[in-house]
N, C-alpha and C. Protein backbone atom coordinates (compact mmCIF):
# COMPACT_ATOMS: atom_id res chain seq x y z
N MET A 1 0.85 -1.12 -0.04
CA MET A 1 0.09 0.05 0.03
C MET A 1 0.98 1.33 -0.01
N ALA A 2 1.29 1.71 -1.15
CA ALA A 2 2.06 2.96 -1.24
C ALA A 2 1.15 4.15 -1.20
N ALA A 3 1.77 5.29 -0.83
CA ALA A 3 0.87 6.47 -0.80
C ALA A 3 1.35 7.27 -1.94
N ARG A 4 0.41 8.04 -2.61
CA ARG A 4 0.73 8.78 -3.70
C ARG A 4 0.38 10.28 -3.43
N ALA A 5 1.21 11.12 -3.91
CA ALA A 5 0.93 12.61 -3.77
C ALA A 5 1.39 13.32 -4.99
N ASP A 6 0.69 14.28 -5.44
CA ASP A 6 0.93 15.10 -6.62
C ASP A 6 1.30 16.46 -6.15
N PHE A 7 2.28 17.06 -6.90
CA PHE A 7 2.68 18.49 -6.72
C PHE A 7 2.84 19.05 -8.09
N GLU A 8 2.09 20.27 -8.14
CA GLU A 8 2.38 21.03 -9.33
C GLU A 8 3.37 22.07 -9.13
N VAL A 9 4.40 22.12 -10.05
CA VAL A 9 5.54 22.95 -9.95
C VAL A 9 5.20 24.37 -10.32
N SER A 10 5.42 25.25 -9.49
CA SER A 10 5.10 26.72 -9.70
C SER A 10 6.41 27.48 -9.93
N TRP A 11 6.24 28.76 -10.21
CA TRP A 11 7.45 29.66 -10.61
C TRP A 11 8.39 29.73 -9.27
N GLY A 12 7.66 29.83 -8.03
CA GLY A 12 8.50 29.89 -6.82
C GLY A 12 9.26 28.71 -6.43
N ASP A 13 9.06 27.65 -7.19
CA ASP A 13 9.89 26.43 -6.97
C ASP A 13 11.16 26.42 -7.68
N LEU A 14 11.36 27.41 -8.60
CA LEU A 14 12.52 27.22 -9.60
C LEU A 14 13.79 27.98 -9.14
N ASP A 15 14.84 27.60 -9.72
CA ASP A 15 16.12 28.27 -9.48
C ASP A 15 16.40 29.18 -10.65
N PRO A 16 17.64 29.95 -10.57
CA PRO A 16 17.84 30.75 -11.82
C PRO A 16 17.95 30.12 -13.10
N ALA A 17 18.15 28.78 -13.10
CA ALA A 17 18.20 28.01 -14.37
C ALA A 17 16.78 27.58 -14.85
N ALA A 18 15.79 28.03 -14.15
CA ALA A 18 14.38 27.69 -14.48
C ALA A 18 14.10 26.20 -14.30
N ILE A 19 14.77 25.46 -13.38
CA ILE A 19 14.47 24.11 -12.99
C ILE A 19 14.23 24.09 -11.40
N VAL A 20 13.66 23.08 -11.01
CA VAL A 20 13.26 23.05 -9.57
C VAL A 20 14.44 23.13 -8.64
N PHE A 21 14.45 24.06 -7.73
CA PHE A 21 15.53 24.20 -6.73
C PHE A 21 15.53 22.98 -5.85
N TYR A 22 16.54 22.32 -5.77
CA TYR A 22 16.66 20.98 -5.13
C TYR A 22 16.00 20.90 -3.67
N PRO A 23 16.12 21.84 -2.82
CA PRO A 23 15.55 21.63 -1.55
C PRO A 23 13.93 21.46 -1.50
N HIS A 24 13.29 21.93 -2.48
CA HIS A 24 11.92 21.67 -2.65
C HIS A 24 11.59 20.09 -2.69
N PHE A 25 12.49 19.33 -3.21
CA PHE A 25 12.16 17.84 -3.21
C PHE A 25 12.14 17.32 -1.83
N PHE A 26 12.94 17.89 -0.78
CA PHE A 26 12.90 17.44 0.53
C PHE A 26 11.66 17.88 1.24
N ALA A 27 11.14 19.09 0.80
CA ALA A 27 9.89 19.40 1.45
C ALA A 27 8.67 18.61 0.94
N TRP A 28 8.72 18.35 -0.37
CA TRP A 28 7.74 17.53 -0.94
C TRP A 28 7.76 16.08 -0.35
N ALA A 29 8.97 15.65 -0.07
CA ALA A 29 9.17 14.25 0.56
C ALA A 29 8.56 14.24 1.86
N ASP A 30 8.71 15.41 2.60
CA ASP A 30 8.20 15.36 4.02
C ASP A 30 6.62 15.52 3.84
N ALA A 31 6.17 16.21 3.01
CA ALA A 31 4.67 16.19 2.84
C ALA A 31 4.13 14.90 2.51
N ALA A 32 4.97 14.13 1.57
CA ALA A 32 4.44 12.79 1.28
C ALA A 32 4.55 11.81 2.34
N THR A 33 5.54 11.94 3.31
CA THR A 33 5.61 11.20 4.51
C THR A 33 4.29 11.41 5.33
N HIS A 34 3.86 12.74 5.51
CA HIS A 34 2.73 12.96 6.31
C HIS A 34 1.44 12.21 5.60
N ARG A 35 1.41 12.35 4.33
CA ARG A 35 0.27 11.79 3.71
C ARG A 35 0.27 10.23 3.88
N LEU A 36 1.42 9.56 3.66
CA LEU A 36 1.56 8.15 4.07
C LEU A 36 0.98 7.84 5.37
N PHE A 37 1.36 8.47 6.36
CA PHE A 37 0.91 8.27 7.72
C PHE A 37 -0.65 8.42 7.77
N ARG A 38 -1.13 9.44 7.15
CA ARG A 38 -2.71 9.71 7.10
C ARG A 38 -3.29 8.52 6.39
N ARG A 39 -2.81 8.14 5.33
CA ARG A 39 -3.28 6.99 4.53
C ARG A 39 -3.39 5.63 5.33
N LEU A 40 -2.41 5.58 6.20
CA LEU A 40 -2.31 4.32 7.02
C LEU A 40 -3.22 4.41 8.24
N GLY A 41 -4.01 5.50 8.37
CA GLY A 41 -4.81 5.72 9.51
C GLY A 41 -4.21 6.13 10.77
N SER A 42 -2.94 6.70 10.69
CA SER A 42 -2.13 7.09 11.78
C SER A 42 -1.54 8.50 11.48
N PRO A 43 -2.34 9.56 11.38
CA PRO A 43 -1.83 10.86 11.13
C PRO A 43 -0.79 11.28 12.10
N MET A 44 0.32 11.90 11.71
CA MET A 44 1.33 12.40 12.70
C MET A 44 0.74 13.24 13.74
N ASP A 45 -0.01 14.23 13.46
CA ASP A 45 -0.52 15.16 14.45
C ASP A 45 -1.43 14.35 15.49
N ALA A 46 -2.09 13.28 15.11
CA ALA A 46 -2.86 12.45 16.03
C ALA A 46 -1.80 11.62 16.90
N LEU A 47 -0.88 11.16 16.34
CA LEU A 47 0.11 10.34 17.16
C LEU A 47 0.80 11.29 18.19
N LEU A 48 1.10 12.54 17.83
CA LEU A 48 1.67 13.28 18.79
C LEU A 48 0.62 13.65 19.93
N VAL A 49 -0.52 13.94 19.61
CA VAL A 49 -1.51 14.22 20.66
C VAL A 49 -1.89 13.01 21.60
N LYS A 50 -2.01 11.96 20.86
CA LYS A 50 -2.69 10.78 21.63
C LYS A 50 -1.60 9.94 22.28
N GLN A 51 -0.44 9.79 21.59
CA GLN A 51 0.56 8.89 22.02
C GLN A 51 1.86 9.55 22.37
N ARG A 52 1.88 10.88 22.13
CA ARG A 52 3.11 11.68 22.47
C ARG A 52 4.31 11.20 21.76
N ILE A 53 4.21 10.66 20.44
CA ILE A 53 5.32 10.33 19.62
C ILE A 53 5.26 11.17 18.35
N SER A 54 6.47 11.21 17.78
CA SER A 54 6.61 11.80 16.41
C SER A 54 7.81 11.05 15.83
N PHE A 55 8.10 11.35 14.51
CA PHE A 55 9.15 10.73 13.67
C PHE A 55 10.16 11.73 13.37
N GLY A 56 11.26 11.85 14.01
CA GLY A 56 12.40 12.68 13.73
C GLY A 56 13.07 12.25 12.57
N LEU A 57 13.58 13.21 11.66
CA LEU A 57 14.32 12.89 10.48
C LEU A 57 15.90 12.89 10.92
N VAL A 58 16.48 11.64 10.75
CA VAL A 58 17.86 11.57 11.09
C VAL A 58 18.69 11.43 9.87
N ALA A 59 18.24 11.12 8.80
CA ALA A 59 19.07 11.07 7.48
C ALA A 59 18.15 11.25 6.36
N CYS A 60 18.75 11.98 5.38
CA CYS A 60 17.96 12.18 4.12
C CYS A 60 18.91 12.27 2.99
N SER A 61 18.61 11.64 1.90
CA SER A 61 19.46 11.85 0.76
C SER A 61 18.56 11.81 -0.54
N ALA A 62 19.22 12.32 -1.64
CA ALA A 62 18.47 12.36 -2.97
C ALA A 62 19.29 12.08 -4.16
N GLN A 63 18.74 11.51 -5.19
CA GLN A 63 19.31 11.32 -6.35
C GLN A 63 18.41 12.04 -7.44
N PHE A 64 19.06 12.78 -8.21
CA PHE A 64 18.26 13.58 -9.16
C PHE A 64 18.57 12.99 -10.54
N HIS A 65 17.45 12.72 -11.37
CA HIS A 65 17.61 12.07 -12.65
C HIS A 65 17.31 12.92 -13.78
N SER A 66 16.46 13.80 -13.63
CA SER A 66 16.10 14.63 -14.82
C SER A 66 15.49 15.89 -14.31
N PRO A 67 15.67 16.98 -15.03
CA PRO A 67 15.20 18.32 -14.53
C PRO A 67 13.73 18.41 -14.60
N VAL A 68 13.14 19.27 -13.63
CA VAL A 68 11.71 19.49 -13.57
C VAL A 68 11.51 20.96 -13.77
N ARG A 69 10.47 21.29 -14.45
CA ARG A 69 10.21 22.73 -14.86
C ARG A 69 8.96 23.21 -14.43
N GLN A 70 8.78 24.48 -14.44
CA GLN A 70 7.48 25.12 -14.11
C GLN A 70 6.30 24.47 -14.97
N GLY A 71 5.22 24.27 -14.26
CA GLY A 71 4.04 23.66 -14.91
C GLY A 71 4.07 22.21 -14.82
N ASP A 72 5.15 21.46 -14.60
CA ASP A 72 5.22 20.02 -14.61
C ASP A 72 4.33 19.53 -13.35
N LEU A 73 3.82 18.38 -13.52
CA LEU A 73 3.06 17.81 -12.47
C LEU A 73 3.86 16.56 -11.87
N LEU A 74 4.38 16.84 -10.76
CA LEU A 74 5.11 15.67 -10.20
C LEU A 74 4.25 14.69 -9.39
N ARG A 75 4.52 13.49 -9.59
CA ARG A 75 3.86 12.44 -8.95
C ARG A 75 4.79 11.69 -8.07
N CYS A 76 4.51 11.61 -6.81
CA CYS A 76 5.39 10.95 -5.87
C CYS A 76 4.68 9.73 -5.32
N ARG A 77 5.51 8.60 -5.23
CA ARG A 77 4.99 7.33 -4.79
C ARG A 77 5.94 7.08 -3.60
N THR A 78 5.31 6.99 -2.38
CA THR A 78 6.03 6.71 -1.09
C THR A 78 5.82 5.36 -0.65
N THR A 79 6.88 4.57 -0.32
CA THR A 79 6.91 3.37 0.31
C THR A 79 7.82 3.27 1.53
N VAL A 80 7.57 2.25 2.31
CA VAL A 80 8.46 1.87 3.38
C VAL A 80 9.50 1.05 2.87
N ALA A 81 10.80 1.37 2.87
CA ALA A 81 11.81 0.43 2.35
C ALA A 81 12.34 -0.58 3.46
N LYS A 82 12.36 0.05 4.79
CA LYS A 82 12.94 -0.79 5.84
C LYS A 82 12.22 -0.44 7.15
N ILE A 83 11.96 -1.32 8.06
CA ILE A 83 11.36 -1.06 9.37
C ILE A 83 12.29 -1.69 10.42
N GLY A 84 12.78 -0.80 11.31
CA GLY A 84 13.66 -1.16 12.33
C GLY A 84 12.93 -1.31 13.73
N THR A 85 13.66 -1.50 14.75
CA THR A 85 12.93 -1.44 16.08
C THR A 85 12.30 -0.20 16.36
N ALA A 86 13.14 0.98 16.15
CA ALA A 86 12.58 2.27 16.48
C ALA A 86 12.68 3.23 15.29
N SER A 87 13.00 2.68 14.11
CA SER A 87 13.17 3.54 12.91
C SER A 87 12.54 3.06 11.70
N LEU A 88 12.47 3.77 10.67
CA LEU A 88 11.94 3.30 9.32
C LEU A 88 12.63 4.18 8.32
N GLU A 89 12.74 3.47 7.15
CA GLU A 89 13.33 4.13 6.00
C GLU A 89 12.25 4.28 4.95
N LEU A 90 12.01 5.50 4.49
CA LEU A 90 11.14 5.68 3.45
C LEU A 90 11.77 6.05 2.13
N GLN A 91 11.10 5.66 1.05
CA GLN A 91 11.52 5.92 -0.36
C GLN A 91 10.43 6.70 -1.06
N HIS A 92 10.86 7.83 -1.60
CA HIS A 92 9.92 8.66 -2.38
C HIS A 92 10.47 8.67 -3.81
N ILE A 93 9.70 8.12 -4.75
CA ILE A 93 9.99 8.17 -6.12
C ILE A 93 9.18 9.31 -6.71
N PHE A 94 9.84 10.32 -7.39
CA PHE A 94 9.16 11.32 -8.16
C PHE A 94 9.18 11.12 -9.62
N ARG A 95 8.11 11.30 -10.26
CA ARG A 95 7.99 11.16 -11.79
C ARG A 95 7.26 12.34 -12.30
N VAL A 96 7.61 12.69 -13.55
CA VAL A 96 6.73 13.56 -14.33
C VAL A 96 6.36 12.69 -15.46
N GLY A 97 5.01 12.38 -15.49
CA GLY A 97 4.55 11.39 -16.42
C GLY A 97 5.14 10.04 -16.16
N ARG A 98 5.72 9.45 -17.07
CA ARG A 98 6.58 8.22 -16.79
C ARG A 98 7.96 8.31 -16.49
N ARG A 99 8.37 9.56 -16.72
CA ARG A 99 9.92 9.95 -16.49
C ARG A 99 10.31 10.05 -15.05
N PRO A 100 11.27 9.19 -14.58
CA PRO A 100 11.69 9.41 -13.30
C PRO A 100 12.63 10.76 -13.16
N VAL A 101 12.31 11.48 -12.11
CA VAL A 101 13.00 12.77 -11.96
C VAL A 101 13.86 12.69 -10.68
N ALA A 102 13.53 12.20 -9.62
CA ALA A 102 14.23 12.11 -8.35
C ALA A 102 13.75 11.02 -7.53
N THR A 103 14.73 10.54 -6.72
CA THR A 103 14.42 9.55 -5.66
C THR A 103 14.96 10.21 -4.30
N VAL A 104 14.12 10.36 -3.30
CA VAL A 104 14.49 10.83 -1.97
C VAL A 104 14.36 9.70 -0.97
N ARG A 105 15.25 9.56 -0.19
CA ARG A 105 15.25 8.54 0.93
C ARG A 105 15.34 9.28 2.25
N GLU A 106 14.45 8.90 3.17
CA GLU A 106 14.46 9.40 4.47
C GLU A 106 14.67 8.22 5.59
N VAL A 107 15.38 8.55 6.55
CA VAL A 107 15.29 7.61 7.70
C VAL A 107 14.88 8.46 8.80
N ARG A 108 13.74 7.92 9.53
CA ARG A 108 13.05 8.58 10.59
C ARG A 108 13.05 7.67 11.83
N VAL A 109 13.25 8.33 12.95
CA VAL A 109 13.19 7.61 14.25
C VAL A 109 12.02 7.94 15.06
N CYS A 110 11.34 6.96 15.64
CA CYS A 110 10.24 7.19 16.44
C CYS A 110 10.66 7.80 17.92
N MET A 111 10.17 8.86 18.16
CA MET A 111 10.59 9.63 19.22
C MET A 111 9.51 9.78 20.35
N ASP A 112 9.90 9.52 21.59
CA ASP A 112 9.06 9.70 22.71
C ASP A 112 9.04 11.12 23.03
N LEU A 113 7.95 11.93 23.00
CA LEU A 113 7.87 13.27 23.27
C LEU A 113 7.11 13.56 24.54
N SER A 114 6.83 12.48 25.37
CA SER A 114 6.15 12.77 26.66
C SER A 114 6.92 13.71 27.61
N ASP A 115 8.26 13.84 27.50
CA ASP A 115 8.93 14.72 28.26
C ASP A 115 9.83 15.59 27.24
N PRO A 116 9.57 16.72 26.86
CA PRO A 116 10.30 17.46 25.88
C PRO A 116 11.73 17.78 26.33
N LYS A 117 12.08 17.66 27.58
CA LYS A 117 13.37 17.85 28.17
C LYS A 117 14.28 16.61 27.95
N ALA A 118 13.56 15.51 27.78
CA ALA A 118 14.31 14.24 27.68
C ALA A 118 13.95 13.38 26.39
N LEU A 119 14.13 13.97 25.25
CA LEU A 119 13.75 13.26 24.05
C LEU A 119 14.49 12.07 23.89
N ALA A 120 13.82 10.95 23.53
CA ALA A 120 14.54 9.69 23.36
C ALA A 120 13.75 8.88 22.31
N ALA A 121 14.60 8.06 21.58
CA ALA A 121 14.01 7.03 20.62
C ALA A 121 13.22 6.04 21.43
N ARG A 122 12.07 5.48 20.83
CA ARG A 122 11.38 4.60 21.49
C ARG A 122 10.95 3.49 20.35
N GLU A 123 10.50 2.37 20.74
CA GLU A 123 10.16 1.22 19.83
C GLU A 123 8.90 1.69 19.25
N LEU A 124 8.79 1.27 17.91
CA LEU A 124 7.51 1.56 17.21
C LEU A 124 6.37 0.75 17.83
N PRO A 125 5.23 1.51 18.02
CA PRO A 125 4.08 0.76 18.45
C PRO A 125 3.70 -0.29 17.58
N THR A 126 3.24 -1.40 18.22
CA THR A 126 2.91 -2.71 17.43
C THR A 126 1.93 -2.34 16.36
N ARG A 127 0.81 -1.67 16.64
CA ARG A 127 -0.18 -1.41 15.70
C ARG A 127 0.30 -0.64 14.53
N LEU A 128 1.16 0.38 14.77
CA LEU A 128 1.61 1.28 13.80
C LEU A 128 2.67 0.37 12.91
N ARG A 129 3.48 -0.47 13.54
CA ARG A 129 4.40 -1.27 12.84
C ARG A 129 3.69 -2.19 11.70
N LYS A 130 2.56 -2.71 12.21
CA LYS A 130 1.64 -3.45 11.27
C LYS A 130 1.21 -2.63 10.08
N ARG A 131 0.86 -1.47 10.38
CA ARG A 131 0.46 -0.60 9.32
C ARG A 131 1.47 -0.22 8.34
N LEU A 132 2.71 0.04 8.91
CA LEU A 132 3.79 0.45 8.10
C LEU A 132 4.23 -0.71 7.22
N ALA A 133 4.21 -1.86 7.80
CA ALA A 133 4.55 -3.17 7.08
C ALA A 133 3.73 -3.29 5.75
N ALA A 134 2.49 -2.83 5.82
CA ALA A 134 1.61 -2.88 4.67
C ALA A 134 1.99 -1.92 3.55
N ALA A 135 2.90 -1.00 3.82
CA ALA A 135 3.37 0.00 2.88
C ALA A 135 4.79 -0.29 2.53
N ARG A 136 5.32 -1.57 2.71
CA ARG A 136 6.67 -1.92 2.31
C ARG A 136 6.70 -1.98 0.83
N SER A 137 7.83 -1.56 0.27
CA SER A 137 8.07 -1.49 -1.18
C SER A 137 8.37 -2.96 -1.62
């Protein structure tokens, strides 16, 4: 069960060469991560309020395959590449039509936010782990 997100590239997303300024891919990947959690029935804002957990970004990388320009419609497919004890790795594949344009990988750690002065990683809740497993690539 992958999550899909679409992003229309606008003028403000471009650099002086009239292609997407690369940090936008990281923002779009973050938005796609939130969409995945919503699709799995565990929105991040609800996890924070109800369980006092969130998913901190600890690593992020990207490979860029082809330029993206104003007016292009980006389609992002997000899957779970790995599930650890307290972490998960997400893969976001961006395409314009059938053309692959970028791949972004994120590693996120499940964080216990019950005491903001003592942030710590915690084991993924069992129910959420099962839902994330359904989104494996």
